[in-house]
Amino acid sequence: MLEGLMQPMHLLVILFIALLVFGPSKLSELGKGLGQGIKNFKDAVNDKPAAQPAPPVEPVKKDSAPTA
């Protein structure tokens, strides 16, 4: 029943539909999040501590005077 489901042409059609629905920028964010989720899952299965995300960078205000 599901023998021919994952053929390359089917995967291309699914990728094209996902690109139309989400758009290129959102699709790259979804891929990045999926990759991090898989990595964290593998680390949890192997009993490794989860990688800490980098702290957010505060934007520099252009109108403020430098403090030195």
Protein backbone atom coordinates (compact mmCIF):
# COMPACT_ATOMS: atom_id res chain seq x y z
CA MET A 1 0.00 0.00 0.00
CA LEU A 2 2.73 2.51 0.92
CA GLU A 3 5.40 1.01 -1.34
CA GLY A 4 5.78 3.89 -3.81
CA LEU A 5 5.05 6.75 -1.43
CA MET A 6 8.57 8.15 -0.99
CA GLN A 7 9.68 8.41 -4.61
CA PRO A 8 11.90 11.40 -5.52
CA MET A 9 9.19 13.04 -7.66
CA HIS A 10 6.69 12.85 -4.80
CA LEU A 11 9.20 14.45 -2.43
CA LEU A 12 9.81 17.29 -4.91
CA VAL A 13 6.08 17.96 -5.18
CA ILE A 14 5.75 18.01 -1.37
CA LEU A 15 8.72 20.41 -1.10
CA PHE A 16 7.22 22.69 -3.77
CA ILE A 17 3.86 22.81 -1.98
CA ALA A 18 5.59 23.56 1.34
CA LEU A 19 7.53 26.37 -0.37
CA LEU A 20 4.30 27.87 -1.69
CA VAL A 21 2.54 27.64 1.68
CA PHE A 22 5.30 28.86 4.00
CA GLY A 23 7.60 30.92 1.76
CA PRO A 24 11.38 30.65 1.50
CA SER A 25 12.32 32.50 4.70
CA LYS A 26 9.84 30.69 6.92
CA LEU A 27 10.79 27.35 5.36
CA SER A 28 14.47 27.87 6.28
CA GLU A 29 13.46 28.76 9.86
CA LEU A 30 11.34 25.60 10.05
CA GLY A 31 14.25 23.52 8.78
CA LYS A 32 16.62 25.03 11.32
CA GLY A 33 14.18 24.40 14.14
CA LEU A 34 13.61 20.82 12.98
CA GLY A 35 17.37 20.20 12.88
CA GLN A 36 17.85 21.58 16.39
CA GLY A 37 14.95 19.47 17.64
CA ILE A 38 16.45 16.30 16.17
CA LYS A 39 19.87 17.15 17.65
CA ASN A 40 18.37 17.75 21.09
CA PHE A 41 16.41 14.50 20.85
CA LYS A 42 19.56 12.55 19.96
CA ASP A 43 21.44 14.19 22.84
CA ALA A 44 18.62 13.30 25.24
CA VAL A 45 18.60 9.69 24.05
CA ASN A 46 22.38 9.45 24.48
CA ASP A 47 22.21 11.16 27.93
CA LYS A 48 24.28 14.15 26.82
CA PRO A 49 23.51 17.59 28.26
CA ALA A 50 21.52 19.76 25.89
CA ALA A 51 23.38 22.55 24.13
CA GLN A 52 22.55 25.96 25.57
CA PRO A 53 21.36 28.48 22.97
CA ALA A 54 23.43 31.61 22.53
CA PRO A 55 22.18 34.61 24.52
CA PRO A 56 20.39 37.21 22.41
CA VAL A 57 22.48 40.13 21.22
CA GLU A 58 21.22 43.55 22.30
CA PRO A 59 20.97 46.04 19.41
CA VAL A 60 23.31 49.00 19.51
CA LYS A 61 21.58 52.39 19.76
CA LYS A 62 23.00 54.75 17.13
CA ASP A 63 21.85 57.99 18.78
CA SER A 64 23.45 57.37 22.19
CA ALA A 65 26.87 58.75 23.12
CA PRO A 66 29.66 56.23 23.66
CA THR A 67 30.40 55.43 27.29
CA ALA A 68 34.09 55.03 28.04
